[in-house]
Amino acid sequence: MVSYIYCNLWNMNYIFYLCYGQLSNFFCMMITSQKHLLYILRINQKQLDYLLLHLEDYYYSFERVKLNKSTGKPKKNSNGEIAKRQINSSKGKLKEVQTRLYDFMVKHVELPQYVYGGVKGKNNVSNARFHQGNKYIFTTDLRSFFPTISHRHVFQMFLQEGCTPTIASILTKLTTRKHQVPQGIPTSTLIANLVFKPFGLKINQLAKEHNIKFSMFVDDITLSSKSDFKDLIPQFLAIIEESGFKINHKKTHYQTKNPIITGVICQNNRLLAPLSYKRRVAELSKELPIHADVKNKLQGIKAYLSIIEKTNGSVK
């Protein structure tokens, strides 16, 4: 039997479920009125109406060359051309509103434990560490992750998180561009995690049933176990196919020795950065006296290597 306890907080109803004698907080946004939405976004109705009518004025687009993080050199596509990523960034009042929405969502939605991307206190290194000690590792990448998420996916997600259709429609317009989630705005990664959540939970449940660890770092999926689970991979891929996302076959691997997980070499008792990072440090150090602009790049790589070393130091 489920009992409902209602309490008034921030002038809205929050629902708590008392299931089987245990009280648990039902995490959801529960934005049910436009007045409450305006309060969260810290704007008035006139400002909101103007934003919704002039959304394109608050975006700017550019192409960013995809760089190999360890070598600093441009990546290339299968046709040999330099690979580029389309970035759609917001600015001005729209970016402010998106940032306020993000701050609210982070506090009122629950992300599963398997999520490592875009979560405070987690990163690609802690994601790799999670799988340490497991011999069998499966890694794959969701192709065109952000562009695959349509405005319909986002609208349904906001409905599932407790918003009314009217509020869900407004939030969808504020967080999508040209009918998809743009890569480069404050809310994108969080929304992507929430859109994929129903399917991520299915993967997680299947993994738990077979003592397999599962994690997700933005569009990178990792599964690992102490036992061979190669025969189960088609079941995991079927769930991904059901979601509408496509895997990048070139980045799909089943490994048993020193696997690379989200850019980190994962050994049984320690994590390592690929050797190319050390080579890059040596190259930049030689350039430092001549090119002062490489200082920030060098500091960035050294800081990243330090994170990996500190992670090894914290392993018990």
Protein backbone atom coordinates (compact mmCIF):
# COMPACT_ATOMS: atom_id res chain seq x y z
CA MET A 1 0.00 0.00 0.00
CA VAL A 2 1.30 3.42 -0.94
CA SER A 3 0.57 6.41 1.22
CA TYR A 4 1.01 9.98 0.02
CA ILE A 5 2.34 12.75 2.20
CA TYR A 6 2.06 16.25 0.88
CA CYS A 7 4.07 19.18 2.09
CA ASN A 8 4.33 22.73 0.80
CA LEU A 9 7.82 23.83 -0.18
CA TRP A 10 8.69 26.85 -2.34
CA ASN A 11 4.94 27.35 -2.89
CA MET A 12 4.51 24.04 -4.66
CA ASN A 13 3.52 20.52 -3.75
CA TYR A 14 6.26 17.98 -3.34
CA ILE A 15 5.21 14.38 -3.14
CA PHE A 16 6.84 11.90 -0.83
CA TYR A 17 6.07 8.24 -1.13
CA LEU A 18 5.80 5.98 1.87
CA CYS A 19 6.37 2.54 0.42
CA TYR A 20 6.35 -0.58 2.51
CA GLY A 21 6.85 1.46 5.66
CA GLN A 22 9.90 3.36 4.33
CA LEU A 23 9.89 7.07 3.53
CA SER A 24 11.74 7.98 0.35
CA ASN A 25 12.04 11.30 -1.44
CA PHE A 26 10.54 11.23 -4.89
CA PHE A 27 13.06 13.18 -6.94
CA CYS A 28 11.41 15.13 -9.71
CA MET A 29 11.15 18.71 -10.87
CA MET A 30 7.40 19.08 -10.30
CA ILE A 31 7.14 22.45 -12.06
CA THR A 32 3.40 22.72 -12.49
CA SER A 33 2.80 26.46 -12.88
CA GLN A 34 4.27 29.21 -15.02
CA LYS A 35 4.60 31.39 -11.93
CA HIS A 36 6.88 28.82 -10.34
CA LEU A 37 8.88 28.50 -13.57
CA LEU A 38 9.44 32.27 -13.71
CA TYR A 39 10.61 32.17 -10.09
CA ILE A 40 13.15 29.43 -10.89
CA LEU A 41 14.45 31.20 -14.00
CA ARG A 42 14.41 34.60 -12.25
CA ILE A 43 12.71 36.38 -15.13
CA ASN A 44 9.27 37.90 -15.69
CA GLN A 45 6.63 36.87 -18.21
CA LYS A 46 7.58 39.61 -20.65
CA GLN A 47 11.22 38.48 -20.66
CA LEU A 48 10.24 34.84 -21.16
CA ASP A 49 7.92 35.69 -24.05
CA TYR A 50 10.67 37.73 -25.70
CA LEU A 51 13.20 34.90 -25.31
CA LEU A 52 10.87 32.34 -26.82
CA LEU A 53 10.25 34.58 -29.84
CA HIS A 54 13.93 35.39 -30.42
CA LEU A 55 15.78 32.20 -29.46
CA GLU A 56 18.02 32.20 -32.54
CA ASP A 57 19.36 35.64 -31.59
CA TYR A 58 20.93 34.06 -28.50
CA TYR A 59 22.91 31.31 -30.26
CA TYR A 60 26.20 31.30 -32.10
CA SER A 61 27.74 28.34 -33.90
CA PHE A 62 31.30 27.39 -34.75
CA GLU A 63 33.32 24.33 -35.67
CA ARG A 64 35.95 22.98 -33.30
CA VAL A 65 38.70 20.70 -34.57
CA LYS A 66 38.67 17.37 -32.73
CA LEU A 67 42.06 16.96 -31.09
CA ASN A 68 43.74 13.87 -29.74
CA LYS A 69 44.00 14.86 -26.07
CA SER A 70 47.27 13.05 -25.53
CA THR A 71 49.11 14.23 -28.65
CA GLY A 72 47.40 17.55 -29.30
CA LYS A 73 47.14 16.66 -32.99
CA PRO A 74 43.89 16.86 -35.01
CA LYS A 75 41.88 13.69 -35.43
CA LYS A 76 40.90 12.58 -38.92
CA ASN A 77 37.71 11.13 -40.35
CA SER A 78 37.57 7.87 -42.27
CA ASN A 79 37.98 9.85 -45.51
CA GLY A 80 41.22 11.40 -44.26
CA GLU A 81 39.83 14.87 -43.59
CA ILE A 82 40.38 16.68 -40.30
CA ALA A 83 37.50 15.83 -37.96
CA LYS A 84 35.44 18.73 -36.62
CA ARG A 85 32.68 19.07 -34.06
CA GLN A 86 29.78 21.49 -34.47
CA ILE A 87 29.35 23.61 -31.34
CA ASN A 88 26.17 25.58 -30.69
CA SER A 89 26.68 27.90 -27.73
CA SER A 90 24.16 30.18 -26.10
CA LYS A 91 24.80 33.70 -24.88
CA GLY A 92 23.27 36.57 -22.95
CA LYS A 93 19.92 36.17 -21.23
CA LEU A 94 19.27 32.72 -22.70
CA LYS A 95 22.53 31.35 -21.28
CA GLU A 96 21.65 32.87 -17.89
CA VAL A 97 18.24 31.20 -17.96
CA GLN A 98 19.72 27.84 -19.03
CA THR A 99 22.27 28.04 -16.21
CA ARG A 100 19.54 28.75 -13.63
CA LEU A 101 17.48 25.86 -14.98
CA TYR A 102 20.53 23.60 -14.76
CA ASP A 103 21.15 24.64 -11.14
CA PHE A 104 17.53 23.82 -10.28
CA MET A 105 17.54 20.49 -12.12
CA VAL A 106 20.74 19.30 -10.47
CA LYS A 107 19.05 19.68 -7.07
CA HIS A 108 15.69 18.18 -8.02
CA VAL A 109 16.34 15.28 -10.37
CA GLU A 110 18.06 12.04 -9.48
CA LEU A 111 20.78 10.65 -11.71
CA PRO A 112 21.58 6.93 -11.39
CA GLN A 113 24.90 5.93 -9.82
CA TYR A 114 26.17 4.62 -13.15
CA VAL A 115 26.36 8.20 -14.54
CA TYR A 116 29.88 9.69 -14.43
CA GLY A 117 29.66 12.42 -17.06
CA GLY A 118 28.60 15.91 -16.05
CA VAL A 119 28.37 14.94 -12.37
CA LYS A 120 30.16 16.93 -9.67
CA GLY A 121 32.96 14.90 -8.10
CA LYS A 122 33.11 12.41 -10.98
CA ASN A 123 35.22 12.38 -14.13
CA ASN A 124 36.72 10.06 -16.73
CA VAL A 125 39.41 8.95 -14.27
CA SER A 126 36.96 7.92 -11.53
CA ASN A 127 34.94 6.19 -14.24
CA ALA A 128 37.98 4.08 -15.17
CA ARG A 129 38.78 3.38 -11.54
CA PHE A 130 35.26 1.99 -11.02
CA HIS A 131 36.17 -0.93 -13.31
CA GLN A 132 39.59 -1.66 -11.82
CA GLY A 133 40.16 -5.29 -10.91
CA ASN A 134 37.81 -6.72 -13.53
CA LYS A 135 39.40 -8.79 -16.27
CA TYR A 136 36.72 -8.57 -18.95
CA ILE A 137 35.91 -5.10 -20.28
CA PHE A 138 33.43 -4.02 -22.95
CA THR A 139 33.54 -0.42 -24.16
CA THR A 140 31.48 1.36 -26.78
CA ASP A 141 30.55 4.86 -27.84
CA LEU A 142 27.13 6.28 -28.78
CA ARG A 143 27.48 7.86 -32.20
CA SER A 144 26.28 11.47 -32.61
CA PHE A 145 24.95 11.36 -29.05
CA PHE A 146 23.65 14.93 -28.71
CA PRO A 147 22.26 15.39 -32.26
CA THR A 148 20.35 12.11 -31.87
CA ILE A 149 18.33 13.57 -28.98
CA SER A 150 15.33 15.30 -30.54
CA HIS A 151 12.98 17.89 -29.05
CA ARG A 152 10.40 15.09 -28.67
CA HIS A 153 12.79 13.13 -26.44
CA VAL A 154 13.39 16.22 -24.33
CA PHE A 155 9.67 17.02 -24.04
CA GLN A 156 8.91 13.47 -22.87
CA MET A 157 11.77 13.64 -20.37
CA PHE A 158 10.40 16.83 -18.79
CA LEU A 159 6.96 15.21 -18.55
CA GLN A 160 8.48 12.18 -16.81
CA GLU A 161 10.27 14.49 -14.39
CA GLY A 162 6.93 15.93 -13.21
CA CYS A 163 6.36 18.97 -15.42
CA THR A 164 2.98 19.80 -16.93
CA PRO A 165 2.74 19.67 -20.76
CA THR A 166 2.77 23.48 -20.93
CA ILE A 167 5.89 23.78 -18.77
CA ALA A 168 7.58 20.85 -20.57
CA SER A 169 6.97 22.60 -23.89
CA ILE A 170 8.52 25.87 -22.66
CA LEU A 171 11.56 24.09 -21.19
CA THR A 172 12.04 22.09 -24.38
CA LYS A 173 12.15 25.30 -26.43
CA LEU A 174 14.66 26.82 -24.02
CA THR A 175 17.01 23.82 -24.15
CA THR A 176 16.88 22.66 -27.77
CA ARG A 177 17.85 24.24 -31.06
CA LYS A 178 16.58 23.24 -34.48
CA HIS A 179 14.71 20.29 -32.94
CA GLN A 180 17.71 18.73 -31.20
CA VAL A 181 19.92 19.11 -28.13
CA PRO A 182 22.79 21.46 -29.01
CA GLN A 183 26.25 20.57 -27.82
CA GLY A 184 27.66 23.52 -25.94
CA ILE A 185 24.90 24.87 -23.67
CA PRO A 186 24.74 24.49 -19.85
CA THR A 187 21.90 21.96 -19.77
CA SER A 188 22.93 19.60 -22.60
CA THR A 189 24.83 16.87 -20.72
CA LEU A 190 22.30 16.69 -17.89
CA ILE A 191 19.39 16.48 -20.32
CA ALA A 192 21.20 13.80 -22.35
CA ASN A 193 21.74 11.74 -19.18
CA LEU A 194 18.05 12.04 -18.27
CA VAL A 195 16.82 11.19 -21.78
CA PHE A 196 18.94 8.03 -21.84
CA LYS A 197 18.01 7.15 -18.22
CA PRO A 198 15.14 4.68 -18.98
CA PHE A 199 17.47 2.62 -21.17
CA GLY A 200 20.47 3.07 -18.87
CA LEU A 201 18.41 1.62 -16.03
CA LYS A 202 17.59 -1.41 -18.20
CA ILE A 203 21.29 -1.92 -18.96
CA ASN A 204 22.10 -1.49 -15.28
CA GLN A 205 19.48 -4.05 -14.21
CA LEU A 206 20.73 -6.64 -16.71
CA ALA A 207 24.30 -5.96 -15.59
CA LYS A 208 23.43 -6.42 -11.91
CA GLU A 209 21.71 -9.74 -12.62
CA HIS A 210 25.02 -11.06 -13.97
CA ASN A 211 27.46 -9.36 -11.55
CA ILE A 212 28.62 -6.95 -14.23
CA LYS A 213 29.64 -3.35 -13.52
CA PHE A 214 28.13 -0.66 -15.75
CA SER A 215 29.04 3.01 -16.09
CA MET A 216 28.40 5.82 -18.55
CA PHE A 217 30.61 8.85 -19.15
CA VAL A 218 28.59 11.13 -21.46
CA ASP A 219 28.43 8.97 -24.62
CA ASP A 220 30.97 6.34 -23.51
CA ILE A 221 29.53 3.09 -22.14
CA THR A 222 31.64 0.63 -20.15
CA LEU A 223 30.74 -2.83 -18.84
CA SER A 224 33.14 -5.02 -16.88
CA SER A 225 33.25 -8.24 -14.91
CA LYS A 226 35.61 -10.76 -13.38
CA SER A 227 33.91 -13.41 -15.54
CA ASP A 228 33.60 -13.66 -19.31
CA PHE A 229 30.29 -12.11 -20.41
CA LYS A 230 30.84 -12.00 -24.17
CA ASP A 231 27.65 -14.01 -24.80
CA LEU A 232 25.60 -11.30 -23.06
CA ILE A 233 26.82 -8.41 -25.20
CA PRO A 234 24.05 -8.84 -27.85
CA GLN A 235 21.47 -8.30 -25.07
CA PHE A 236 23.11 -5.05 -24.01
CA LEU A 237 23.36 -3.89 -27.62
CA ALA A 238 19.67 -4.71 -28.13
CA ILE A 239 18.76 -2.28 -25.32
CA ILE A 240 20.86 0.44 -26.95
CA GLU A 241 19.20 -0.27 -30.30
CA GLU A 242 15.79 -0.02 -28.61
CA SER A 243 16.75 3.46 -27.35
CA GLY A 244 17.21 4.75 -30.89
CA PHE A 245 20.90 5.50 -30.36
CA LYS A 246 23.56 3.94 -32.57
CA ILE A 247 26.93 2.63 -31.44
CA ASN A 248 30.21 3.62 -33.01
CA HIS A 249 31.59 0.26 -34.18
CA LYS A 250 35.11 1.65 -34.50
CA LYS A 251 35.08 2.44 -30.79
CA THR A 252 33.53 -0.84 -29.68
CA HIS A 253 35.94 -3.28 -28.00
CA TYR A 254 35.89 -6.35 -25.79
CA GLN A 255 39.22 -6.43 -23.95
CA THR A 256 40.97 -8.53 -21.34
CA LYS A 257 44.40 -6.92 -21.00
CA ASN A 258 45.21 -3.33 -19.99
CA PRO A 259 42.02 -1.88 -21.48
CA ILE A 260 41.69 1.84 -22.15
CA ILE A 261 38.58 3.17 -20.41
CA THR A 262 37.58 6.77 -21.15
CA GLY A 263 41.16 7.58 -22.11
CA VAL A 264 42.81 5.89 -19.12
CA ILE A 265 44.79 2.63 -19.15
CA CYS A 266 43.15 0.49 -16.49
CA GLN A 267 45.53 -2.04 -14.95
CA ASN A 268 44.65 -4.35 -12.09
CA ASN A 269 46.37 -2.29 -9.39
CA ARG A 270 46.81 1.16 -10.94
CA LEU A 271 45.65 3.61 -13.58
CA LEU A 272 47.99 4.98 -16.23
CA ALA A 273 47.84 7.74 -18.80
CA PRO A 274 48.79 6.63 -22.33
CA LEU A 275 52.50 7.16 -23.11
CA SER A 276 51.56 9.79 -25.66
CA TYR A 277 50.77 12.16 -22.76
CA LYS A 278 54.39 11.98 -21.53
CA ARG A 279 55.64 12.56 -25.05
CA ARG A 280 53.34 15.57 -25.32
CA VAL A 281 54.71 17.01 -22.05
CA ALA A 282 58.27 16.60 -23.37
CA GLU A 283 57.37 18.31 -26.67
CA LEU A 284 55.64 21.24 -24.98
CA SER A 285 58.46 21.67 -22.47
CA LYS A 286 60.88 22.19 -25.37
CA GLU A 287 58.54 24.77 -26.94
CA LEU A 288 57.94 26.65 -23.67
CA PRO A 289 60.95 29.00 -23.86
CA ILE A 290 59.99 29.95 -27.44
CA HIS A 291 56.19 29.92 -27.38
CA ALA A 292 54.68 31.34 -24.20
CA ASP A 293 51.17 30.33 -25.30
CA VAL A 294 51.94 26.64 -24.67
CA LYS A 295 52.20 27.25 -20.92
CA ASN A 296 48.47 26.72 -20.32
CA LYS A 297 48.44 23.55 -22.43
CA LEU A 298 51.39 22.16 -20.48
CA GLN A 299 49.81 23.02 -17.14
CA GLY A 300 46.55 21.40 -18.23
CA ILE A 301 48.21 18.10 -19.15
CA LYS A 302 50.28 18.05 -15.96
CA ALA A 303 47.16 18.72 -13.89
CA TYR A 304 45.39 15.82 -15.61
CA LEU A 305 48.33 13.47 -15.00
CA SER A 306 48.31 14.57 -11.38
CA ILE A 307 44.63 13.59 -11.06
CA ILE A 308 45.48 10.08 -12.25
CA GLU A 309 48.41 9.82 -9.82
CA LYS A 310 46.29 11.03 -6.92
CA THR A 311 43.63 8.47 -7.84
CA ASN A 312 46.25 5.73 -7.64
CA GLY A 313 47.33 7.06 -4.27
CA SER A 314 43.78 6.82 -2.96
CA VAL A 315 43.33 3.20 -4.02
CA LYS A 316 43.30 0.97 -0.95
